[in-house]
């Protein structure tokens, strides 16, 4: 079935595996970072895509290897008021865990979630 000369999205979605879509998304986010390394949303989305693939790290176009946590930390450095980066960074921590932000500030998992509430 076709819709306006394109593949019907419902038919296409049934036939494509989610993992294939995530791989395409990961590649797209890596490309976006190589074009503009100052977009906190792209770093956050890349971290989320890796997480759904159960991958711990990614190699960027320049050869730099970044872990999921590093992607969220970079997103926070780029935009300290982007709540999704704090939320997703909190998800990477174990109960009672904490992380040092790139500005040197130490934050617990609870503080990260409270920051999300404060920003929103």
PDB file of N, CA and C in Angstrom:
ATOM      1  N   UNK A   1       0.832  -1.184   0.000  1.00  0.00           N
ATOM      2  CA  UNK A   1       0.000   0.000   0.000  1.00  0.00           C
ATOM      3  C   UNK A   1       0.872   1.242   0.000  1.00  0.00           C
ATOM      4  N   UNK A   2       0.479   2.202  -0.779  1.00  0.00           N
ATOM      5  CA  UNK A   2       1.232   3.453  -0.859  1.00  0.00           C
ATOM      6  C   UNK A   2       0.354   4.610  -0.424  1.00  0.00           C
ATOM      7  N   UNK A   3       0.994   5.614   0.136  1.00  0.00           N
ATOM      8  CA  UNK A   3       0.307   6.840   0.523  1.00  0.00           C
ATOM      9  C   UNK A   3       1.058   7.991  -0.132  1.00  0.00           C
ATOM     10  N   UNK A   4       0.398   8.699  -1.071  1.00  0.00           N
ATOM     11  CA  UNK A   4       1.004   9.845  -1.748  1.00  0.00           C
ATOM     12  C   UNK A   4       2.385   9.516  -2.310  1.00  0.00           C
ATOM     13  N   UNK A   5       2.526   8.358  -2.934  1.00  0.00           N
ATOM     14  CA  UNK A   5       3.781   7.984  -3.558  1.00  0.00           C
ATOM     15  C   UNK A   5       4.827   7.453  -2.600  1.00  0.00           C
ATOM     16  N   UNK A   6       4.547   7.440  -1.323  1.00  0.00           N
ATOM     17  CA  UNK A   6       5.492   6.926  -0.331  1.00  0.00           C
ATOM     18  C   UNK A   6       4.948   5.633   0.259  1.00  0.00           C
ATOM     19  N   UNK A   7       5.802   4.946   0.965  1.00  0.00           N
ATOM     20  CA  UNK A   7       5.374   3.733   1.644  1.00  0.00           C
ATOM     21  C   UNK A   7       4.429   4.105   2.771  1.00  0.00           C
ATOM     22  N   UNK A   8       3.368   3.352   2.911  1.00  0.00           N
ATOM     23  CA  UNK A   8       2.411   3.575   4.003  1.00  0.00           C
ATOM     24  C   UNK A   8       3.152   3.415   5.332  1.00  0.00           C
ATOM     25  N   UNK A   9       3.163   4.433   6.195  1.00  0.00           N
ATOM     26  CA  UNK A   9       3.920   4.361   7.455  1.00  0.00           C
ATOM     27  C   UNK A   9       3.473   3.237   8.371  1.00  0.00           C
ATOM     28  N   UNK A  10       2.200   2.902   8.365  1.00  0.00           N
ATOM     29  CA  UNK A  10       1.723   1.819   9.229  1.00  0.00           C
ATOM     30  C   UNK A  10       2.271   0.480   8.776  1.00  0.00           C
ATOM     31  N   UNK A  11       2.281   0.253   7.476  1.00  0.00           N
ATOM     32  CA  UNK A  11       2.823  -1.002   6.944  1.00  0.00           C
ATOM     33  C   UNK A  11       4.318  -1.061   7.188  1.00  0.00           C
ATOM     34  N   UNK A  12       5.001   0.057   6.930  1.00  0.00           N
ATOM     35  CA  UNK A  12       6.445   0.110   7.117  1.00  0.00           C
ATOM     36  C   UNK A  12       6.815  -0.156   8.569  1.00  0.00           C
ATOM     37  N   UNK A  13       6.093   0.461   9.502  1.00  0.00           N
ATOM     38  CA  UNK A  13       6.396   0.321  10.927  1.00  0.00           C
ATOM     39  C   UNK A  13       6.251  -1.111  11.393  1.00  0.00           C
ATOM     40  N   UNK A  14       5.308  -1.828  10.845  1.00  0.00           N
ATOM     41  CA  UNK A  14       5.136  -3.237  11.241  1.00  0.00           C
ATOM     42  C   UNK A  14       6.298  -4.096  10.778  1.00  0.00           C
ATOM     43  N   UNK A  15       6.948  -3.697   9.697  1.00  0.00           N
ATOM     44  CA  UNK A  15       7.989  -4.522   9.090  1.00  0.00           C
ATOM     45  C   UNK A  15       9.409  -4.157   9.522  1.00  0.00           C
ATOM     46  N   UNK A  16       9.562  -3.064  10.210  1.00  0.00           N
ATOM     47  CA  UNK A  16      10.889  -2.618  10.622  1.00  0.00           C
ATOM     48  C   UNK A  16      11.089  -2.935  12.097  1.00  0.00           C
ATOM     49  N   UNK A  17      12.238  -3.515  12.395  1.00  0.00           N
ATOM     50  CA  UNK A  17      12.550  -3.815  13.793  1.00  0.00           C
ATOM     51  C   UNK A  17      12.985  -2.535  14.503  1.00  0.00           C
ATOM     52  N   UNK A  18      12.562  -2.419  15.738  1.00  0.00           N
ATOM     53  CA  UNK A  18      12.918  -1.240  16.534  1.00  0.00           C
ATOM     54  C   UNK A  18      14.434  -1.077  16.617  1.00  0.00           C
ATOM     55  N   UNK A  19      15.160  -2.180  16.730  1.00  0.00           N
ATOM     56  CA  UNK A  19      16.617  -2.080  16.832  1.00  0.00           C
ATOM     57  C   UNK A  19      17.220  -1.449  15.585  1.00  0.00           C
ATOM     58  N   UNK A  20      16.634  -1.720  14.417  1.00  0.00           N
ATOM     59  CA  UNK A  20      17.123  -1.107  13.187  1.00  0.00           C
ATOM     60  C   UNK A  20      16.885   0.403  13.219  1.00  0.00           C
ATOM     61  N   UNK A  21      15.722   0.807  13.712  1.00  0.00           N
ATOM     62  CA  UNK A  21      15.423   2.234  13.819  1.00  0.00           C
ATOM     63  C   UNK A  21      16.380   2.916  14.782  1.00  0.00           C
ATOM     64  N   UNK A  22      16.686   2.257  15.903  1.00  0.00           N
ATOM     65  CA  UNK A  22      17.602   2.836  16.885  1.00  0.00           C
ATOM     66  C   UNK A  22      19.000   2.976  16.303  1.00  0.00           C
ATOM     67  N   UNK A  23      19.430   1.999  15.499  1.00  0.00           N
ATOM     68  CA  UNK A  23      20.749   2.105  14.868  1.00  0.00           C
ATOM     69  C   UNK A  23      20.801   3.303  13.930  1.00  0.00           C
ATOM     70  N   UNK A  24      19.732   3.511  13.164  1.00  0.00           N
ATOM     71  CA  UNK A  24      19.670   4.665  12.274  1.00  0.00           C
ATOM     72  C   UNK A  24      19.668   5.950  13.098  1.00  0.00           C
ATOM     73  N   UNK A  25      18.917   5.964  14.196  1.00  0.00           N
ATOM     74  CA  UNK A  25      18.868   7.142  15.061  1.00  0.00           C
ATOM     75  C   UNK A  25      20.253   7.440  15.630  1.00  0.00           C
ATOM     76  N   UNK A  26      20.940   6.418  16.102  1.00  0.00           N
ATOM     77  CA  UNK A  26      22.281   6.601  16.675  1.00  0.00           C
ATOM     78  C   UNK A  26      23.212   7.203  15.633  1.00  0.00           C
ATOM     79  N   UNK A  27      23.196   6.651  14.433  1.00  0.00           N
ATOM     80  CA  UNK A  27      24.046   7.180  13.361  1.00  0.00           C
ATOM     81  C   UNK A  27      23.696   8.641  13.062  1.00  0.00           C
ATOM     82  N   UNK A  28      22.406   8.952  13.057  1.00  0.00           N
ATOM     83  CA  UNK A  28      21.962  10.318  12.774  1.00  0.00           C
ATOM     84  C   UNK A  28      22.415  11.287  13.861  1.00  0.00           C
ATOM     85  N   UNK A  29      22.325  10.865  15.125  1.00  0.00           N
ATOM     86  CA  UNK A  29      22.759  11.728  16.226  1.00  0.00           C
ATOM     87  C   UNK A  29      24.272  11.941  16.193  1.00  0.00           C
ATOM     88  N   UNK A  30      25.027  10.887  15.879  1.00  0.00           N
ATOM     89  CA  UNK A  30      26.484  11.020  15.772  1.00  0.00           C
ATOM     90  C   UNK A  30      26.822  12.010  14.653  1.00  0.00           C
ATOM     91  N   UNK A  31      26.136  11.898  13.518  1.00  0.00           N
ATOM     92  CA  UNK A  31      26.355  12.836  12.415  1.00  0.00           C
ATOM     93  C   UNK A  31      26.007  14.261  12.829  1.00  0.00           C
ATOM     94  N   UNK A  32      24.899  14.411  13.569  1.00  0.00           N
ATOM     95  CA  UNK A  32      24.478  15.745  14.008  1.00  0.00           C
ATOM     96  C   UNK A  32      25.516  16.367  14.942  1.00  0.00           C
ATOM     97  N   UNK A  33      26.099  15.563  15.814  1.00  0.00           N
ATOM     98  CA  UNK A  33      27.125  16.069  16.743  1.00  0.00           C
ATOM     99  C   UNK A  33      28.364  16.500  15.973  1.00  0.00           C
ATOM    100  N   UNK A  34      28.722  15.756  14.926  1.00  0.00           N
ATOM    101  CA  UNK A  34      29.904  16.149  14.156  1.00  0.00           C
ATOM    102  C   UNK A  34      29.657  17.458  13.411  1.00  0.00           C
ATOM    103  N   UNK A  35      28.387  17.740  13.079  1.00  0.00           N
ATOM    104  CA  UNK A  35      28.053  18.997  12.423  1.00  0.00           C
ATOM    105  C   UNK A  35      27.900  20.158  13.395  1.00  0.00           C
ATOM    106  N   UNK A  36      27.350  19.870  14.574  1.00  0.00           N
ATOM    107  CA  UNK A  36      27.121  20.903  15.589  1.00  0.00           C
ATOM    108  C   UNK A  36      27.254  20.256  16.960  1.00  0.00           C
ATOM    109  N   UNK A  37      28.413  20.359  17.533  1.00  0.00           N
ATOM    110  CA  UNK A  37      28.678  19.737  18.828  1.00  0.00           C
ATOM    111  C   UNK A  37      28.195  20.547  20.015  1.00  0.00           C
ATOM    112  N   UNK A  38      27.273  21.480  19.779  1.00  0.00           N
ATOM    113  CA  UNK A  38      26.797  22.350  20.851  1.00  0.00           C
ATOM    114  C   UNK A  38      25.311  22.218  21.108  1.00  0.00           C
ATOM    115  N   UNK A  39      24.732  21.094  20.747  1.00  0.00           N
ATOM    116  CA  UNK A  39      23.294  20.899  20.886  1.00  0.00           C
ATOM    117  C   UNK A  39      23.011  19.890  21.996  1.00  0.00           C
ATOM    118  N   UNK A  40      22.533  20.366  23.125  1.00  0.00           N
ATOM    119  CA  UNK A  40      22.291  19.490  24.278  1.00  0.00           C
ATOM    120  C   UNK A  40      21.220  18.451  23.994  1.00  0.00           C
ATOM    121  N   UNK A  41      20.245  18.788  23.181  1.00  0.00           N
ATOM    122  CA  UNK A  41      19.170  17.840  22.855  1.00  0.00           C
ATOM    123  C   UNK A  41      19.733  16.636  22.100  1.00  0.00           C
ATOM    124  N   UNK A  42      20.649  16.878  21.177  1.00  0.00           N
ATOM    125  CA  UNK A  42      21.231  15.786  20.399  1.00  0.00           C
ATOM    126  C   UNK A  42      22.047  14.864  21.297  1.00  0.00           C
ATOM    127  N   UNK A  43      22.844  15.429  22.208  1.00  0.00           N
ATOM    128  CA  UNK A  43      23.620  14.589  23.128  1.00  0.00           C
ATOM    129  C   UNK A  43      22.687  13.746  24.007  1.00  0.00           C
ATOM    130  N   UNK A  44      21.613  14.358  24.487  1.00  0.00           N
ATOM    131  CA  UNK A  44      20.655  13.633  25.327  1.00  0.00           C
ATOM    132  C   UNK A  44      19.962  12.529  24.541  1.00  0.00           C
ATOM    133  N   UNK A  45      19.524  12.843  23.339  1.00  0.00           N
ATOM    134  CA  UNK A  45      18.834  11.842  22.522  1.00  0.00           C
ATOM    135  C   UNK A  45      19.754  10.692  22.138  1.00  0.00           C
ATOM    136  N   UNK A  46      21.018  10.988  21.887  1.00  0.00           N
ATOM    137  CA  UNK A  46      21.979   9.922  21.592  1.00  0.00           C
ATOM    138  C   UNK A  46      22.126   8.998  22.804  1.00  0.00           C
ATOM    139  N   UNK A  47      22.228   9.583  23.980  1.00  0.00           N
ATOM    140  CA  UNK A  47      22.319   8.765  25.196  1.00  0.00           C
ATOM    141  C   UNK A  47      21.097   7.887  25.387  1.00  0.00           C
ATOM    142  N   UNK A  48      19.926   8.441  25.117  1.00  0.00           N
ATOM    143  CA  UNK A  48      18.689   7.663  25.260  1.00  0.00           C
ATOM    144  C   UNK A  48      18.629   6.538  24.225  1.00  0.00           C
ATOM    145  N   UNK A  49      19.049   6.812  22.990  1.00  0.00           N
ATOM    146  CA  UNK A  49      19.047   5.781  21.946  1.00  0.00           C
ATOM    147  C   UNK A  49      20.014   4.654  22.297  1.00  0.00           C
ATOM    148  N   UNK A  50      21.184   4.998  22.826  1.00  0.00           N
ATOM    149  CA  UNK A  50      22.143   3.970  23.246  1.00  0.00           C
ATOM    150  C   UNK A  50      21.557   3.110  24.364  1.00  0.00           C
ATOM    151  N   UNK A  51      20.890   3.760  25.282  1.00  0.00           N
ATOM    152  CA  UNK A  51      20.291   3.060  26.416  1.00  0.00           C
ATOM    153  C   UNK A  51      19.268   2.022  25.951  1.00  0.00           C
ATOM    154  N   UNK A  52      18.442   2.395  24.983  1.00  0.00           N
ATOM    155  CA  UNK A  52      17.442   1.433  24.498  1.00  0.00           C
ATOM    156  C   UNK A  52      18.083   0.267  23.768  1.00  0.00           C
ATOM    157  N   UNK A  53      19.291   0.465  23.256  1.00  0.00           N
ATOM    158  CA  UNK A  53      20.027  -0.604  22.577  1.00  0.00           C
ATOM    159  C   UNK A  53      20.886  -1.408  23.547  1.00  0.00           C
ATOM    160  N   UNK A  54      20.850  -1.023  24.824  1.00  0.00           N
ATOM    161  CA  UNK A  54      21.681  -1.669  25.856  1.00  0.00           C
ATOM    162  C   UNK A  54      23.173  -1.531  25.520  1.00  0.00           C
ATOM    163  N   UNK A  55      23.522  -0.407  24.907  1.00  0.00           N
ATOM    164  CA  UNK A  55      24.918  -0.103  24.604  1.00  0.00           C
ATOM    165  C   UNK A  55      25.416   0.906  25.626  1.00  0.00           C
ATOM    166  N   UNK A  56      26.669   0.766  26.040  1.00  0.00           N
ATOM    167  CA  UNK A  56      27.247   1.644  27.062  1.00  0.00           C
ATOM    168  C   UNK A  56      27.946   2.866  26.497  1.00  0.00           C
ATOM    169  N   UNK A  57      28.387   2.780  25.238  1.00  0.00           N
ATOM    170  CA  UNK A  57      29.198   3.862  24.696  1.00  0.00           C
ATOM    171  C   UNK A  57      29.047   3.946  23.183  1.00  0.00           C
ATOM    172  N   UNK A  58      29.539   5.051  22.650  1.00  0.00           N
ATOM    173  CA  UNK A  58      29.509   5.286  21.218  1.00  0.00           C
ATOM    174  C   UNK A  58      30.801   5.993  20.823  1.00  0.00           C
ATOM    175  N   UNK A  59      31.246   5.752  19.603  1.00  0.00           N
ATOM    176  CA  UNK A  59      32.401   6.454  19.078  1.00  0.00           C
ATOM    177  C   UNK A  59      31.903   7.556  18.147  1.00  0.00           C
ATOM    178  N   UNK A  60      32.261   8.785  18.471  1.00  0.00           N
ATOM    179  CA  UNK A  60      31.859   9.919  17.651  1.00  0.00           C
ATOM    180  C   UNK A  60      32.727   9.987  16.398  1.00  0.00           C
ATOM    181  N   UNK A  61      32.334  10.821  15.457  1.00  0.00           N
ATOM    182  CA  UNK A  61      33.019  10.910  14.165  1.00  0.00           C
ATOM    183  C   UNK A  61      34.514  11.199  14.294  1.00  0.00           C
ATOM    184  N   UNK A  62      34.899  11.991  15.279  1.00  0.00           N
ATOM    185  CA  UNK A  62      36.313  12.319  15.483  1.00  0.00           C
ATOM    186  C   UNK A  62      37.106  11.245  16.194  1.00  0.00           C
ATOM    187  N   UNK A  63      36.450  10.119  16.532  1.00  0.00           N
ATOM    188  CA  UNK A  63      37.125   9.027  17.219  1.00  0.00           C
ATOM    189  C   UNK A  63      36.966   9.051  18.724  1.00  0.00           C
ATOM    190  N   UNK A  64      36.347  10.091  19.259  1.00  0.00           N
ATOM    191  CA  UNK A  64      36.139  10.193  20.701  1.00  0.00           C
ATOM    192  C   UNK A  64      35.074   9.194  21.149  1.00  0.00           C
ATOM    193  N   UNK A  65      35.401   8.412  22.170  1.00  0.00           N
ATOM    194  CA  UNK A  65      34.454   7.452  22.735  1.00  0.00           C
ATOM    195  C   UNK A  65      33.762   8.105  23.925  1.00  0.00           C
ATOM    196  N   UNK A  66      32.431   8.073  23.909  1.00  0.00           N
ATOM    197  CA  UNK A  66      31.670   8.661  25.016  1.00  0.00           C
ATOM    198  C   UNK A  66      30.711   7.621  25.576  1.00  0.00           C
ATOM    199  N   UNK A  67      30.701   7.524  26.907  1.00  0.00           N
ATOM    200  CA  UNK A  67      29.741   6.665  27.589  1.00  0.00           C
ATOM    201  C   UNK A  67      28.413   7.410  27.695  1.00  0.00           C
ATOM    202  N   UNK A  68      27.355   6.666  27.970  1.00  0.00           N
ATOM    203  CA  UNK A  68      26.029   7.275  28.091  1.00  0.00           C
ATOM    204  C   UNK A  68      26.056   8.407  29.114  1.00  0.00           C
ATOM    205  N   UNK A  69      26.646   8.153  30.257  1.00  0.00           N
ATOM    206  CA  UNK A  69      26.708   9.168  31.310  1.00  0.00           C
ATOM    207  C   UNK A  69      27.424  10.421  30.816  1.00  0.00           C
ATOM    208  N   UNK A  70      28.504  10.233  30.039  1.00  0.00           N
ATOM    209  CA  UNK A  70      29.252  11.372  29.502  1.00  0.00           C
ATOM    210  C   UNK A  70      28.399  12.213  28.560  1.00  0.00           C
ATOM    211  N   UNK A  71      27.515  11.548  27.793  1.00  0.00           N
ATOM    212  CA  UNK A  71      26.637  12.267  26.867  1.00  0.00           C
ATOM    213  C   UNK A  71      25.679  13.177  27.624  1.00  0.00           C
ATOM    214  N   UNK A  72      25.112  12.656  28.727  1.00  0.00           N
ATOM    215  CA  UNK A  72      24.197  13.467  29.536  1.00  0.00           C
ATOM    216  C   UNK A  72      24.943  14.594  30.253  1.00  0.00           C
ATOM    217  N   UNK A  73      26.155  14.314  30.713  1.00  0.00           N
ATOM    218  CA  UNK A  73      26.968  15.357  31.346  1.00  0.00           C
ATOM    219  C   UNK A  73      27.290  16.476  30.354  1.00  0.00           C
ATOM    220  N   UNK A  74      27.621  16.097  29.127  1.00  0.00           N
ATOM    221  CA  UNK A  74      27.909  17.092  28.095  1.00  0.00           C
ATOM    222  C   UNK A  74      26.672  17.932  27.797  1.00  0.00           C
ATOM    223  N   UNK A  75      25.501  17.270  27.745  1.00  0.00           N
ATOM    224  CA  UNK A  75      24.252  17.993  27.490  1.00  0.00           C
ATOM    225  C   UNK A  75      23.991  19.027  28.582  1.00  0.00           C
ATOM    226  N   UNK A  76      24.260  18.657  29.830  1.00  0.00           N
ATOM    227  CA  UNK A  76      24.069  19.588  30.953  1.00  0.00           C
ATOM    228  C   UNK A  76      25.069  20.738  30.871  1.00  0.00           C
ATOM    229  N   UNK A  77      26.297  20.431  30.493  1.00  0.00           N
ATOM    230  CA  UNK A  77      27.297  21.496  30.332  1.00  0.00           C
ATOM    231  C   UNK A  77      26.847  22.490  29.255  1.00  0.00           C
ATOM    232  N   UNK A  78      26.300  21.982  28.165  1.00  0.00           N
ATOM    233  CA  UNK A  78      25.858  22.842  27.070  1.00  0.00           C
ATOM    234  C   UNK A  78      24.623  23.659  27.421  1.00  0.00           C
ATOM    235  N   UNK A  79      23.711  23.039  28.183  1.00  0.00           N
ATOM    236  CA  UNK A  79      22.479  23.737  28.575  1.00  0.00           C
ATOM    237  C   UNK A  79      22.099  23.318  29.989  1.00  0.00           C
ATOM    238  N   UNK A  80      22.559  24.066  30.994  1.00  0.00           N
ATOM    239  CA  UNK A  80      22.278  23.715  32.390  1.00  0.00           C
ATOM    240  C   UNK A  80      20.796  23.767  32.761  1.00  0.00           C
ATOM    241  N   UNK A  81      19.943  24.230  31.858  1.00  0.00           N
ATOM    242  CA  UNK A  81      18.503  24.289  32.127  1.00  0.00           C
ATOM    243  C   UNK A  81      17.707  23.313  31.277  1.00  0.00           C
ATOM    244  N   UNK A  82      18.351  22.276  30.780  1.00  0.00           N
ATOM    245  CA  UNK A  82      17.662  21.260  29.974  1.00  0.00           C
ATOM    246  C   UNK A  82      17.291  20.086  30.889  1.00  0.00           C
ATOM    247  N   UNK A  83      16.034  19.994  31.312  1.00  0.00           N
ATOM    248  CA  UNK A  83      15.647  19.018  32.330  1.00  0.00           C
ATOM    249  C   UNK A  83      15.819  17.563  31.917  1.00  0.00           C
ATOM    250  N   UNK A  84      15.661  17.260  30.637  1.00  0.00           N
ATOM    251  CA  UNK A  84      15.745  15.860  30.198  1.00  0.00           C
ATOM    252  C   UNK A  84      17.149  15.278  30.403  1.00  0.00           C
ATOM    253  N   UNK A  85      18.162  16.123  30.302  1.00  0.00           N
ATOM    254  CA  UNK A  85      19.530  15.655  30.530  1.00  0.00           C
ATOM    255  C   UNK A  85      19.727  15.250  31.991  1.00  0.00           C
ATOM    256  N   UNK A  86      19.211  16.059  32.924  1.00  0.00           N
ATOM    257  CA  UNK A  86      19.307  15.721  34.351  1.00  0.00           C
ATOM    258  C   UNK A  86      18.523  14.447  34.663  1.00  0.00           C
ATOM    259  N   UNK A  87      17.330  14.356  34.111  1.00  0.00           N
ATOM    260  CA  UNK A  87      16.485  13.184  34.348  1.00  0.00           C
ATOM    261  C   UNK A  87      17.170  11.908  33.873  1.00  0.00           C
ATOM    262  N   UNK A  88      17.696  11.945  32.666  1.00  0.00           N
ATOM    263  CA  UNK A  88      18.341  10.751  32.118  1.00  0.00           C
ATOM    264  C   UNK A  88      19.666  10.443  32.800  1.00  0.00           C
ATOM    265  N   UNK A  89      20.385  11.468  33.222  1.00  0.00           N
ATOM    266  CA  UNK A  89      21.603  11.227  33.994  1.00  0.00           C
ATOM    267  C   UNK A  89      21.248  10.535  35.304  1.00  0.00           C
ATOM    268  N   UNK A  90      20.173  10.969  35.938  1.00  0.00           N
ATOM    269  CA  UNK A  90      19.721  10.327  37.173  1.00  0.00           C
ATOM    270  C   UNK A  90      19.429   8.852  36.980  1.00  0.00           C
ATOM    271  N   UNK A  91      18.893   8.490  35.838  1.00  0.00           N
ATOM    272  CA  UNK A  91      18.574   7.088  35.550  1.00  0.00           C
ATOM    273  C   UNK A  91      19.820   6.220  35.440  1.00  0.00           C
ATOM    274  N   UNK A  92      20.973   6.826  35.161  1.00  0.00           N
ATOM    275  CA  UNK A  92      22.207   6.047  35.034  1.00  0.00           C
ATOM    276  C   UNK A  92      22.835   5.720  36.385  1.00  0.00           C
ATOM    277  N   UNK A  93      22.380   6.395  37.436  1.00  0.00           N
ATOM    278  CA  UNK A  93      22.985   6.210  38.759  1.00  0.00           C
ATOM    279  C   UNK A  93      22.272   5.120  39.548  1.00  0.00           C
ATOM    280  N   UNK A  94      23.033   4.426  40.364  1.00  0.00           N
ATOM    281  CA  UNK A  94      22.451   3.448  41.269  1.00  0.00           C
ATOM    282  C   UNK A  94      21.828   4.188  42.454  1.00  0.00           C
ATOM    283  N   UNK A  95      21.021   3.498  43.204  1.00  0.00           N
ATOM    284  CA  UNK A  95      20.388   4.109  44.372  1.00  0.00           C
ATOM    285  C   UNK A  95      21.475   4.615  45.325  1.00  0.00           C
ATOM    286  N   UNK A  96      21.355   5.858  45.709  1.00  0.00           N
ATOM    287  CA  UNK A  96      22.344   6.463  46.601  1.00  0.00           C
ATOM    288  C   UNK A  96      23.580   6.956  45.882  1.00  0.00           C
ATOM    289  N   UNK A  97      23.628   6.786  44.562  1.00  0.00           N
ATOM    290  CA  UNK A  97      24.792   7.205  43.798  1.00  0.00           C
ATOM    291  C   UNK A  97      24.823   8.699  43.561  1.00  0.00           C
ATOM    292  N   UNK A  98      25.979   9.181  43.159  1.00  0.00           N
ATOM    293  CA  UNK A  98      26.120  10.593  42.822  1.00  0.00           C
ATOM    294  C   UNK A  98      27.073  10.719  41.634  1.00  0.00           C
ATOM    295  N   UNK A  99      27.094  11.910  41.071  1.00  0.00           N
ATOM    296  CA  UNK A  99      27.940  12.162  39.908  1.00  0.00           C
ATOM    297  C   UNK A  99      28.488  13.578  40.007  1.00  0.00           C
ATOM    298  N   UNK A 100      29.679  13.767  39.457  1.00  0.00           N
ATOM    299  CA  UNK A 100      30.267  15.103  39.413  1.00  0.00           C
ATOM    300  C   UNK A 100      29.990  15.679  38.031  1.00  0.00           C
ATOM    301  N   UNK A 101      29.294  16.826  38.002  1.00  0.00           N
ATOM    302  CA  UNK A 101      29.026  17.498  36.740  1.00  0.00           C
ATOM    303  C   UNK A 101      30.323  18.072  36.190  1.00  0.00           C
ATOM    304  N   UNK A 102      30.330  18.406  34.911  1.00  0.00           N
ATOM    305  CA  UNK A 102      31.544  18.928  34.292  1.00  0.00           C
ATOM    306  C   UNK A 102      31.970  20.277  34.866  1.00  0.00           C
ATOM    307  N   UNK A 103      31.049  20.977  35.559  1.00  0.00           N
ATOM    308  CA  UNK A 103      31.408  22.237  36.223  1.00  0.00           C
ATOM    309  C   UNK A 103      31.978  21.997  37.623  1.00  0.00           C
ATOM    310  N   UNK A 104      32.101  20.727  38.014  1.00  0.00           N
ATOM    311  CA  UNK A 104      32.667  20.367  39.310  1.00  0.00           C
ATOM    312  C   UNK A 104      31.652  20.124  40.412  1.00  0.00           C
ATOM    313  N   UNK A 105      30.397  20.462  40.173  1.00  0.00           N
ATOM    314  CA  UNK A 105      29.345  20.286  41.183  1.00  0.00           C
ATOM    315  C   UNK A 105      28.992  18.804  41.333  1.00  0.00           C
ATOM    316  N   UNK A 106      28.982  18.333  42.556  1.00  0.00           N
ATOM    317  CA  UNK A 106      28.593  16.959  42.870  1.00  0.00           C
ATOM    318  C   UNK A 106      27.078  16.919  43.096  1.00  0.00           C
ATOM    319  N   UNK A 107      26.382  15.972  42.452  1.00  0.00           N
ATOM    320  CA  UNK A 107      24.934  15.864  42.622  1.00  0.00           C
ATOM    321  C   UNK A 107      24.548  14.408  42.827  1.00  0.00           C
ATOM    322  N   UNK A 108      23.668  14.187  43.806  1.00  0.00           N
ATOM    323  CA  UNK A 108      23.127  12.854  44.035  1.00  0.00           C
ATOM    324  C   UNK A 108      22.002  12.596  43.039  1.00  0.00           C
ATOM    325  N   UNK A 109      21.577  11.355  42.986  1.00  0.00           N
ATOM    326  CA  UNK A 109      20.456  10.997  42.123  1.00  0.00           C
ATOM    327  C   UNK A 109      19.225  11.829  42.502  1.00  0.00           C
ATOM    328  N   UNK A 110      18.971  11.968  43.788  1.00  0.00           N
ATOM    329  CA  UNK A 110      17.829  12.737  44.265  1.00  0.00           C
ATOM    330  C   UNK A 110      17.956  14.211  43.848  1.00  0.00           C
ATOM    331  N   UNK A 111      19.153  14.769  43.965  1.00  0.00           N
ATOM    332  CA  UNK A 111      19.353  16.173  43.590  1.00  0.00           C
ATOM    333  C   UNK A 111      19.122  16.382  42.086  1.00  0.00           C
ATOM    334  N   UNK A 112      19.515  15.397  41.294  1.00  0.00           N
ATOM    335  CA  UNK A 112      19.279  15.500  39.852  1.00  0.00           C
ATOM    336  C   UNK A 112      17.785  15.571  39.559  1.00  0.00           C
ATOM    337  N   UNK A 113      17.013  14.709  40.212  1.00  0.00           N
ATOM    338  CA  UNK A 113      15.568  14.712  39.990  1.00  0.00           C
ATOM    339  C   UNK A 113      14.917  15.985  40.532  1.00  0.00           C
ATOM    340  N   UNK A 114      15.420  16.490  41.647  1.00  0.00           N
ATOM    341  CA  UNK A 114      14.898  17.751  42.174  1.00  0.00           C
ATOM    342  C   UNK A 114      15.221  18.913  41.228  1.00  0.00           C
ATOM    343  N   UNK A 115      16.371  18.843  40.573  1.00  0.00           N
ATOM    344  CA  UNK A 115      16.747  19.867  39.595  1.00  0.00           C
ATOM    345  C   UNK A 115      15.750  19.868  38.430  1.00  0.00           C
ATOM    346  N   UNK A 116      15.335  18.681  38.004  1.00  0.00           N
ATOM    347  CA  UNK A 116      14.336  18.573  36.924  1.00  0.00           C
ATOM    348  C   UNK A 116      13.057  19.308  37.319  1.00  0.00           C
ATOM    349  N   UNK A 117      12.614  19.066  38.549  1.00  0.00           N
ATOM    350  CA  UNK A 117      11.391  19.715  39.042  1.00  0.00           C
ATOM    351  C   UNK A 117      11.601  21.220  39.111  1.00  0.00           C
ATOM    352  N   UNK A 118      12.758  21.640  39.575  1.00  0.00           N
ATOM    353  CA  UNK A 118      13.059  23.062  39.700  1.00  0.00           C
ATOM    354  C   UNK A 118      13.069  23.754  38.325  1.00  0.00           C
ATOM    355  N   UNK A 119      13.618  23.091  37.322  1.00  0.00           N
ATOM    356  CA  UNK A 119      13.685  23.669  35.975  1.00  0.00           C
ATOM    357  C   UNK A 119      12.297  23.752  35.347  1.00  0.00           C
ATOM    358  N   UNK A 120      11.537  22.688  35.503  1.00  0.00           N
ATOM    359  CA  UNK A 120      10.198  22.658  34.910  1.00  0.00           C
ATOM    360  C   UNK A 120       9.310  23.604  35.675  1.00  0.00           C
TER     361      UNK A 120
END
